[in-house]
Amino acid sequence: MRTRGGVLVANIIAGLALGYTVANIGYGDYAELNRMFTFQDLRMLLAFAGAVVIIVMVFAVLRVRRAPGRIHAGVIPGAVLFGTGWAISGGCPAIPIVQVASGYLPALVTIAGVIVGMWLCHWANARYFHLDRGSCGL
């Protein structure tokens, strides 16, 4: 039986390892991300694609199956907003944390933007759109 403390320690170690790896690949560097998004340097794009291939293989070995579900109306605009925000700010929601930990304090603005964006999404959905949030639980 797992203890809460053991799970917490494992999560901390995994988080530190992921942060170290992400920072060393260059995902925490805005200039590197810009070169990836403008296709000037394919190194990070290939690293990302390699990670996708690895997880697909792991899922195949573990026989992880997921029944296709319906795509609700918020997925496409959400994906567009997410990608646009990532390209403008230089980070998806986790990368600014790596940037701050690396000493890049302007990433605090990105973190604030993520928080405000989540709040605005929740507010707009409750007031205007009434979209099914699925399992996200926002």
Protein backbone atom coordinates (compact mmCIF):
# COMPACT_ATOMS: atom_id res chain seq x y z
CA MET A 1 0.00 0.00 0.00
CA ARG A 2 1.30 3.44 -0.94
CA THR A 3 1.67 6.10 1.67
CA ARG A 4 0.77 9.72 1.04
CA GLY A 5 4.32 10.75 1.87
CA GLY A 6 5.80 8.24 -0.56
CA VAL A 7 3.53 9.43 -3.37
CA LEU A 8 4.40 13.05 -2.56
CA VAL A 9 8.14 12.31 -2.65
CA ALA A 10 7.75 10.41 -5.93
CA ASN A 11 5.80 13.32 -7.43
CA ILE A 12 8.41 15.83 -6.29
CA ILE A 13 11.24 13.75 -7.78
CA ALA A 14 9.33 13.26 -11.04
CA GLY A 15 8.51 16.99 -11.18
CA LEU A 16 12.11 18.00 -10.60
CA ALA A 17 13.32 15.52 -13.22
CA LEU A 18 10.76 16.80 -15.73
CA GLY A 19 11.62 20.44 -15.00
CA TYR A 20 15.34 19.72 -15.38
CA THR A 21 14.77 17.90 -18.67
CA VAL A 22 12.41 20.55 -20.05
CA ALA A 23 14.82 23.35 -19.12
CA ASN A 24 17.79 21.55 -20.70
CA ILE A 25 15.93 20.76 -23.92
CA GLY A 26 15.23 24.48 -24.23
CA TYR A 27 11.48 24.61 -23.71
CA GLY A 28 11.96 27.25 -21.03
CA ASP A 29 13.80 29.62 -23.39
CA TYR A 30 11.53 32.03 -25.27
CA ALA A 31 14.02 32.42 -28.14
CA GLU A 32 14.19 28.63 -28.58
CA LEU A 33 10.40 28.37 -28.59
CA ASN A 34 10.17 31.17 -31.13
CA ARG A 35 12.61 29.35 -33.42
CA MET A 36 10.51 26.19 -33.05
CA PHE A 37 7.21 27.95 -33.84
CA THR A 38 8.71 29.71 -36.86
CA PHE A 39 10.34 26.47 -38.07
CA GLN A 40 13.83 28.01 -37.96
CA ASP A 41 15.12 25.21 -35.73
CA LEU A 42 13.43 21.81 -35.74
CA ARG A 43 15.41 20.40 -32.79
CA MET A 44 12.74 21.07 -30.16
CA LEU A 45 9.91 20.12 -32.50
CA LEU A 46 11.64 16.79 -33.09
CA ALA A 47 12.17 16.35 -29.33
CA PHE A 48 8.46 16.93 -28.81
CA ALA A 49 7.59 14.49 -31.61
CA GLY A 50 9.98 11.94 -30.09
CA ALA A 51 8.19 12.25 -26.75
CA VAL A 52 4.86 11.62 -28.47
CA VAL A 53 6.28 8.51 -30.18
CA ILE A 54 7.63 7.22 -26.85
CA ILE A 55 4.31 7.66 -25.04
CA VAL A 56 2.44 5.98 -27.92
CA MET A 57 4.79 3.00 -27.61
CA VAL A 58 4.37 2.91 -23.81
CA PHE A 59 0.58 3.02 -24.20
CA ALA A 60 0.79 0.19 -26.76
CA VAL A 61 2.96 -1.96 -24.45
CA LEU A 62 0.67 -1.30 -21.48
CA ARG A 63 -2.36 -1.80 -23.72
CA VAL A 64 -3.89 1.50 -22.68
CA ARG A 65 -7.10 1.90 -24.63
CA ARG A 66 -9.37 4.85 -24.58
CA ALA A 67 -12.77 4.80 -26.19
CA PRO A 68 -13.26 7.74 -28.53
CA GLY A 69 -15.49 10.30 -26.93
CA ARG A 70 -17.41 13.15 -28.38
CA ILE A 71 -15.58 16.42 -28.91
CA HIS A 72 -17.53 19.22 -27.30
CA ALA A 73 -17.80 22.71 -28.75
CA GLY A 74 -15.10 24.22 -26.55
CA VAL A 75 -12.23 22.00 -27.72
CA ILE A 76 -11.41 23.75 -31.01
CA PRO A 77 -11.52 27.36 -29.76
CA GLY A 78 -9.70 26.26 -26.60
CA ALA A 79 -6.95 24.61 -28.63
CA VAL A 80 -6.58 27.71 -30.81
CA LEU A 81 -6.38 29.98 -27.75
CA PHE A 82 -3.91 27.64 -26.05
CA GLY A 83 -1.62 27.50 -29.09
CA THR A 84 -1.82 31.24 -29.66
CA GLY A 85 -1.02 31.95 -26.02
CA TRP A 86 1.89 29.50 -26.12
CA ALA A 87 3.33 31.14 -29.23
CA ILE A 88 2.95 34.69 -27.86
CA SER A 89 4.11 34.08 -24.30
CA GLY A 90 6.72 31.44 -24.96
CA GLY A 91 5.16 28.82 -22.76
CA CYS A 92 2.23 26.58 -22.12
CA PRO A 93 0.96 26.74 -18.53
CA ALA A 94 3.83 24.65 -17.11
CA ILE A 95 6.75 26.29 -18.93
CA PRO A 96 6.51 29.68 -17.15
CA ILE A 97 7.07 27.82 -13.88
CA VAL A 98 10.30 26.40 -15.35
CA GLN A 99 11.18 29.90 -16.59
CA VAL A 100 10.66 31.46 -13.15
CA ALA A 101 12.68 28.67 -11.53
CA SER A 102 15.43 29.42 -14.06
CA GLY A 103 15.42 33.09 -13.03
CA TYR A 104 13.32 34.49 -15.89
CA LEU A 105 10.94 36.64 -13.83
CA PRO A 106 8.90 38.09 -16.76
CA ALA A 107 7.28 34.64 -16.88
CA LEU A 108 5.30 35.77 -13.83
CA VAL A 109 3.25 37.86 -16.28
CA THR A 110 2.48 34.69 -18.24
CA ILE A 111 1.44 32.89 -15.06
CA ALA A 112 -0.84 35.82 -14.17
CA GLY A 113 -2.26 35.67 -17.71
CA VAL A 114 -2.99 31.96 -17.35
CA ILE A 115 -4.81 32.57 -14.07
CA VAL A 116 -6.83 35.48 -15.48
CA GLY A 117 -7.57 33.50 -18.66
CA MET A 118 -8.86 30.54 -16.66
CA TRP A 119 -11.06 32.83 -14.61
CA LEU A 120 -12.39 34.58 -17.75
CA CYS A 121 -13.09 31.23 -19.40
CA HIS A 122 -15.02 30.02 -16.37
CA TRP A 123 -16.96 33.29 -16.16
CA ALA A 124 -17.75 33.46 -19.91
CA ASN A 125 -18.80 29.83 -20.01
CA ALA A 126 -21.09 30.21 -16.99
CA ARG A 127 -22.61 33.43 -18.31
CA TYR A 128 -22.79 32.95 -22.08
CA PHE A 129 -21.72 29.61 -23.51
CA HIS A 130 -22.81 26.92 -21.04
CA LEU A 131 -20.48 24.34 -22.61
CA ASP A 132 -20.07 20.91 -21.08
CA ARG A 133 -16.73 20.99 -19.30
CA GLY A 134 -16.36 17.23 -19.44
CA SER A 135 -13.93 15.89 -16.91
CA CYS A 136 -11.98 19.14 -16.52
CA GLY A 137 -14.11 20.27 -13.60
CA LEU A 138 -13.38 23.98 -13.99
